[in-house]
C-alpha atoms as a PDB file:
ATOM      1  CA  UNK A   1     -32.172 124.999 -74.927  1.00  0.00           C
ATOM      2  CA  UNK A   2     -34.165 121.827 -74.358  1.00  0.00           C
ATOM      3  CA  UNK A   3     -37.280 121.385 -76.543  1.00  0.00           C
ATOM      4  CA  UNK A   4     -40.556 121.841 -74.679  1.00  0.00           C
ATOM      5  CA  UNK A   5     -42.814 118.847 -74.585  1.00  0.00           C
ATOM      6  CA  UNK A   6     -46.063 119.119 -76.488  1.00  0.00           C
ATOM      7  CA  UNK A   7     -49.419 117.884 -75.389  1.00  0.00           C
ATOM      8  CA  UNK A   8     -52.622 117.541 -77.319  1.00  0.00           C
ATOM      9  CA  UNK A   9     -55.846 117.535 -75.453  1.00  0.00           C
ATOM     10  CA  UNK A  10     -58.896 116.433 -77.576  1.00  0.00           C
ATOM     11  CA  UNK A  11     -62.519 116.969 -77.044  1.00  0.00           C
ATOM     12  CA  UNK A  12     -63.357 113.449 -78.243  1.00  0.00           C
ATOM     13  CA  UNK A  13     -67.004 113.720 -79.200  1.00  0.00           C
ATOM     14  CA  UNK A  14     -66.458 117.131 -80.847  1.00  0.00           C
ATOM     15  CA  UNK A  15     -63.738 115.676 -83.141  1.00  0.00           C
ATOM     16  CA  UNK A  16     -65.980 112.626 -83.899  1.00  0.00           C
ATOM     17  CA  UNK A  17     -68.927 114.962 -84.825  1.00  0.00           C
ATOM     18  CA  UNK A  18     -66.598 117.002 -87.108  1.00  0.00           C
ATOM     19  CA  UNK A  19     -65.618 114.017 -89.238  1.00  0.00           C
ATOM     20  CA  UNK A  20     -67.715 114.099 -92.400  1.00  0.00           C
ATOM     21  CA  UNK A  21     -67.416 110.271 -92.717  1.00  0.00           C
ATOM     22  CA  UNK A  22     -69.146 109.690 -89.401  1.00  0.00           C
ATOM     23  CA  UNK A  23     -72.861 109.455 -89.091  1.00  0.00           C
ATOM     24  CA  UNK A  24     -73.719 110.322 -85.535  1.00  0.00           C
ATOM     25  CA  UNK A  25     -75.673 107.410 -84.103  1.00  0.00           C
ATOM     26  CA  UNK A  26     -75.701 106.327 -80.414  1.00  0.00           C
ATOM     27  CA  UNK A  27     -75.464 102.724 -81.333  1.00  0.00           C
ATOM     28  CA  UNK A  28     -72.070 103.041 -83.019  1.00  0.00           C
ATOM     29  CA  UNK A  29     -70.610 105.461 -80.483  1.00  0.00           C
ATOM     30  CA  UNK A  30     -68.240 102.815 -78.978  1.00  0.00           C
ATOM     31  CA  UNK A  31     -66.990 102.057 -82.463  1.00  0.00           C
ATOM     32  CA  UNK A  32     -66.382 105.728 -83.202  1.00  0.00           C
ATOM     33  CA  UNK A  33     -64.540 106.233 -79.860  1.00  0.00           C
ATOM     34  CA  UNK A  34     -62.361 103.227 -80.722  1.00  0.00           C
ATOM     35  CA  UNK A  35     -61.570 104.504 -84.149  1.00  0.00           C
ATOM     36  CA  UNK A  36     -60.694 107.983 -82.781  1.00  0.00           C
ATOM     37  CA  UNK A  37     -58.411 106.426 -80.084  1.00  0.00           C
ATOM     38  CA  UNK A  38     -56.559 104.350 -82.695  1.00  0.00           C
ATOM     39  CA  UNK A  39     -56.099 107.307 -85.034  1.00  0.00           C
ATOM     40  CA  UNK A  40     -54.806 109.503 -82.229  1.00  0.00           C
ATOM     41  CA  UNK A  41     -52.502 106.786 -81.028  1.00  0.00           C
ATOM     42  CA  UNK A  42     -50.991 106.614 -84.392  1.00  0.00           C
ATOM     43  CA  UNK A  43     -50.837 110.315 -84.645  1.00  0.00           C
ATOM     44  CA  UNK A  44     -49.140 110.501 -81.178  1.00  0.00           C
ATOM     45  CA  UNK A  45     -46.463 108.056 -82.468  1.00  0.00           C
ATOM     46  CA  UNK A  46     -45.863 110.072 -85.651  1.00  0.00           C
ATOM     47  CA  UNK A  47     -46.022 113.682 -84.198  1.00  0.00           C
ATOM     48  CA  UNK A  48     -44.328 113.151 -80.871  1.00  0.00           C
ATOM     49  CA  UNK A  49     -47.090 114.936 -78.955  1.00  0.00           C
ATOM     50  CA  UNK A  50     -48.484 113.353 -75.959  1.00  0.00           C
ATOM     51  CA  UNK A  51     -52.255 112.847 -76.568  1.00  0.00           C
ATOM     52  CA  UNK A  52     -55.132 113.048 -74.041  1.00  0.00           C
ATOM     53  CA  UNK A  53     -58.777 112.432 -75.148  1.00  0.00           C
ATOM     54  CA  UNK A  54     -61.689 113.607 -73.133  1.00  0.00           C
ATOM     55  CA  UNK A  55     -65.183 112.217 -73.541  1.00  0.00           C
ATOM     56  CA  UNK A  56     -68.278 113.682 -71.973  1.00  0.00           C
ATOM     57  CA  UNK A  57     -69.934 111.289 -69.441  1.00  0.00           C
ATOM     58  CA  UNK A  58     -71.828 114.016 -67.590  1.00  0.00           C
ATOM     59  CA  UNK A  59     -75.149 112.294 -68.093  1.00  0.00           C
ATOM     60  CA  UNK A  60     -73.910 108.915 -66.779  1.00  0.00           C
ATOM     61  CA  UNK A  61     -73.560 107.888 -63.153  1.00  0.00           C
ATOM     62  CA  UNK A  62     -70.059 107.700 -61.824  1.00  0.00           C
ATOM     63  CA  UNK A  63     -67.037 109.654 -60.657  1.00  0.00           C
ATOM     64  CA  UNK A  64     -65.287 109.728 -64.003  1.00  0.00           C
ATOM     65  CA  UNK A  65     -62.388 107.613 -65.176  1.00  0.00           C
ATOM     66  CA  UNK A  66     -58.968 107.631 -66.639  1.00  0.00           C
ATOM     67  CA  UNK A  67     -57.610 104.868 -68.731  1.00  0.00           C
ATOM     68  CA  UNK A  68     -54.592 104.334 -71.006  1.00  0.00           C
ATOM     69  CA  UNK A  69     -55.675 102.754 -74.304  1.00  0.00           C
ATOM     70  CA  UNK A  70     -53.263 102.220 -77.187  1.00  0.00           C
ATOM     71  CA  UNK A  71     -50.698 104.467 -75.429  1.00  0.00           C
ATOM     72  CA  UNK A  72     -53.259 107.368 -75.221  1.00  0.00           C
ATOM     73  CA  UNK A  73     -54.712 108.683 -71.979  1.00  0.00           C
ATOM     74  CA  UNK A  74     -58.429 108.630 -72.239  1.00  0.00           C
ATOM     75  CA  UNK A  75     -60.670 110.495 -69.684  1.00  0.00           C
ATOM     76  CA  UNK A  76     -64.450 110.175 -69.207  1.00  0.00           C
ATOM     77  CA  UNK A  77     -65.771 113.057 -67.193  1.00  0.00           C
ATOM     78  CA  UNK A  78     -67.624 112.630 -63.983  1.00  0.00           C
ATOM     79  CA  UNK A  79     -71.333 113.061 -63.658  1.00  0.00           C
ATOM     80  CA  UNK A  80     -72.514 116.688 -64.173  1.00  0.00           C
ATOM     81  CA  UNK A  81     -69.045 117.725 -65.753  1.00  0.00           C
ATOM     82  CA  UNK A  82     -68.705 118.474 -69.400  1.00  0.00           C
ATOM     83  CA  UNK A  83     -65.636 117.802 -71.497  1.00  0.00           C
ATOM     84  CA  UNK A  84     -65.256 121.540 -71.833  1.00  0.00           C
ATOM     85  CA  UNK A  85     -65.115 121.975 -67.983  1.00  0.00           C
ATOM     86  CA  UNK A  86     -62.671 119.056 -67.690  1.00  0.00           C
ATOM     87  CA  UNK A  87     -60.389 120.500 -70.397  1.00  0.00           C
ATOM     88  CA  UNK A  88     -60.314 123.915 -68.817  1.00  0.00           C
ATOM     89  CA  UNK A  89     -59.392 122.557 -65.469  1.00  0.00           C
ATOM     90  CA  UNK A  90     -56.852 120.154 -67.049  1.00  0.00           C
ATOM     91  CA  UNK A  91     -55.090 123.009 -68.926  1.00  0.00           C
ATOM     92  CA  UNK A  92     -54.981 125.138 -65.905  1.00  0.00           C
ATOM     93  CA  UNK A  93     -53.536 122.363 -63.703  1.00  0.00           C
ATOM     94  CA  UNK A  94     -50.890 121.278 -66.206  1.00  0.00           C
ATOM     95  CA  UNK A  95     -49.771 124.395 -67.997  1.00  0.00           C
ATOM     96  CA  UNK A  96     -46.046 124.935 -67.637  1.00  0.00           C
ATOM     97  CA  UNK A  97     -43.266 126.987 -69.232  1.00  0.00           C
ATOM     98  CA  UNK A  98     -41.712 123.651 -70.289  1.00  0.00           C
ATOM     99  CA  UNK A  99     -44.973 122.345 -71.989  1.00  0.00           C
ATOM    100  CA  UNK A 100     -46.914 123.543 -74.947  1.00  0.00           C
ATOM    101  CA  UNK A 101     -50.600 122.425 -74.774  1.00  0.00           C
ATOM    102  CA  UNK A 102     -52.836 122.318 -77.829  1.00  0.00           C
ATOM    103  CA  UNK A 103     -56.644 121.799 -77.417  1.00  0.00           C
ATOM    104  CA  UNK A 104     -58.581 120.310 -80.242  1.00  0.00           C
ATOM    105  CA  UNK A 105     -62.195 121.416 -80.392  1.00  0.00           C
ATOM    106  CA  UNK A 106     -64.532 123.383 -82.631  1.00  0.00           C
ATOM    107  CA  UNK A 107     -66.398 124.794 -79.741  1.00  0.00           C
ATOM    108  CA  UNK A 108     -65.564 128.533 -80.099  1.00  0.00           C
ATOM    109  CA  UNK A 109     -66.178 129.449 -76.486  1.00  0.00           C
ATOM    110  CA  UNK A 110     -64.004 126.574 -75.313  1.00  0.00           C
ATOM    111  CA  UNK A 111     -61.256 127.643 -77.723  1.00  0.00           C
ATOM    112  CA  UNK A 112     -61.351 131.143 -76.235  1.00  0.00           C
ATOM    113  CA  UNK A 113     -61.296 129.834 -72.662  1.00  0.00           C
ATOM    114  CA  UNK A 114     -58.254 127.631 -73.144  1.00  0.00           C
ATOM    115  CA  UNK A 115     -56.448 130.288 -75.237  1.00  0.00           C
ATOM    116  CA  UNK A 116     -56.929 132.609 -72.255  1.00  0.00           C
ATOM    117  CA  UNK A 117     -55.277 130.025 -70.084  1.00  0.00           C
ATOM    118  CA  UNK A 118     -52.184 129.775 -72.322  1.00  0.00           C
ATOM    119  CA  UNK A 119     -53.091 126.835 -74.515  1.00  0.00           C
ATOM    120  CA  UNK A 120     -53.159 126.778 -78.301  1.00  0.00           C
ATOM    121  CA  UNK A 121     -56.366 126.021 -80.065  1.00  0.00           C
ATOM    122  CA  UNK A 122     -56.923 123.710 -82.905  1.00  0.00           C
ATOM    123  CA  UNK A 123     -60.278 123.148 -84.612  1.00  0.00           C
ATOM    124  CA  UNK A 124     -61.475 119.551 -84.848  1.00  0.00           C
ATOM    125  CA  UNK A 125     -61.375 119.814 -88.629  1.00  0.00           C
ATOM    126  CA  UNK A 126     -57.720 121.001 -88.511  1.00  0.00           C
ATOM    127  CA  UNK A 127     -56.833 117.975 -86.287  1.00  0.00           C
ATOM    128  CA  UNK A 128     -58.551 115.577 -88.636  1.00  0.00           C
ATOM    129  CA  UNK A 129     -56.563 117.160 -91.456  1.00  0.00           C
ATOM    130  CA  UNK A 130     -53.329 116.858 -89.516  1.00  0.00           C
ATOM    131  CA  UNK A 131     -54.004 113.147 -88.770  1.00  0.00           C
ATOM    132  CA  UNK A 132     -54.734 112.473 -92.413  1.00  0.00           C
ATOM    133  CA  UNK A 133     -51.596 114.321 -93.521  1.00  0.00           C
ATOM    134  CA  UNK A 134     -49.397 112.428 -91.093  1.00  0.00           C
ATOM    135  CA  UNK A 135     -50.723 109.190 -92.314  1.00  0.00           C
ATOM    136  CA  UNK A 136     -49.998 110.129 -95.867  1.00  0.00           C
ATOM    137  CA  UNK A 137     -46.449 111.377 -95.028  1.00  0.00           C
ATOM    138  CA  UNK A 138     -45.764 108.113 -93.214  1.00  0.00           C
ATOM    139  CA  UNK A 139     -46.988 106.051 -96.170  1.00  0.00           C
ATOM    140  CA  UNK A 140     -44.810 108.038 -98.560  1.00  0.00           C
ATOM    141  CA  UNK A 141     -41.793 107.716 -96.237  1.00  0.00           C
ATOM    142  CA  UNK A 142     -42.332 103.924 -96.038  1.00  0.00           C
ATOM    143  CA  UNK A 143     -42.673 103.557 -99.848  1.00  0.00           C
ATOM    144  CA  UNK A 144     -39.518 105.672-100.254  1.00  0.00           C
ATOM    145  CA  UNK A 145     -37.611 103.514 -97.889  1.00  0.00           C
ATOM    146  CA  UNK A 146     -38.789 100.404 -99.700  1.00  0.00           C
ATOM    147  CA  UNK A 147     -37.519 101.859-102.951  1.00  0.00           C
ATOM    148  CA  UNK A 148     -34.140 102.692-101.342  1.00  0.00           C
ATOM    149  CA  UNK A 149     -33.822  99.103-100.126  1.00  0.00           C
ATOM    150  CA  UNK A 150     -34.656  97.688-103.588  1.00  0.00           C
ATOM    151  CA  UNK A 151     -32.034  99.691-105.298  1.00  0.00           C
ATOM    152  CA  UNK A 152     -29.273  99.355-102.718  1.00  0.00           C
ATOM    153  CA  UNK A 153     -27.876  95.827-103.111  1.00  0.00           C
ATOM    154  CA  UNK A 154     -26.001  94.292-100.358  1.00  0.00           C
ATOM    155  CA  UNK A 155     -22.591  95.130-101.798  1.00  0.00           C
ATOM    156  CA  UNK A 156     -23.331  98.904-101.514  1.00  0.00           C
ATOM    157  CA  UNK A 157     -24.045  98.477 -97.892  1.00  0.00           C
ATOM    158  CA  UNK A 158     -21.003  96.315 -96.940  1.00  0.00           C
ATOM    159  CA  UNK A 159     -17.401  97.349 -96.514  1.00  0.00           C
ATOM    160  CA  UNK A 160     -15.132  95.948 -99.191  1.00  0.00           C
ATOM    161  CA  UNK A 161     -13.493  93.343 -96.891  1.00  0.00           C
ATOM    162  CA  UNK A 162     -16.836  91.908 -95.699  1.00  0.00           C
ATOM    163  CA  UNK A 163     -18.040  91.798 -99.333  1.00  0.00           C
ATOM    164  CA  UNK A 164     -14.943  89.894-100.461  1.00  0.00           C
ATOM    165  CA  UNK A 165     -15.407  87.359 -97.757  1.00  0.00           C
ATOM    166  CA  UNK A 166     -19.004  86.781 -98.554  1.00  0.00           C
ATOM    167  CA  UNK A 167     -18.334  86.587-102.258  1.00  0.00           C
ATOM    168  CA  UNK A 168     -15.482  84.025-101.580  1.00  0.00           C
ATOM    169  CA  UNK A 169     -17.846  81.982 -99.403  1.00  0.00           C
ATOM    170  CA  UNK A 170     -20.636  82.238-102.034  1.00  0.00           C
ATOM    171  CA  UNK A 171     -18.309  80.944-104.737  1.00  0.00           C
ATOM    172  CA  UNK A 172     -16.860  78.286-102.323  1.00  0.00           C
ATOM    173  CA  UNK A 173     -13.271  79.242-103.212  1.00  0.00           C
END
């Protein structure tokens, strides 16, 4: 049986607001969005989940937008549409027996709505913990691989014939 693809839909401002390291200030909102996009791009690469981030733009003029930034699809909602409304519509449109959709938000009502449509809910805090854990595991794996390389000299990785040829060449015999 083929593995079902996994999608992660993130309520961007909700996750930013759940991060205890963030001081919510309108003047650094662009920086916070950029940091979240980078973190979720890295998480996508480590987890294998396809990540979509939704930001509210319902107080701004415009028809909404979709961009791919750092391999992550980023949506800004249209005027008079909240991220919650966008996410509900998105889940309904893309639910499939071949796809598992997770929605990251701490908005309880939104969690219930998407759960009712077949998506799995994930709190913003849980997502931040998963991102942190994935980064930690990657760091540990890279350190372990470096240690493996350091203690595996070339002769252990070459077949005997190749090693003899290199050794002969090294000694110029």
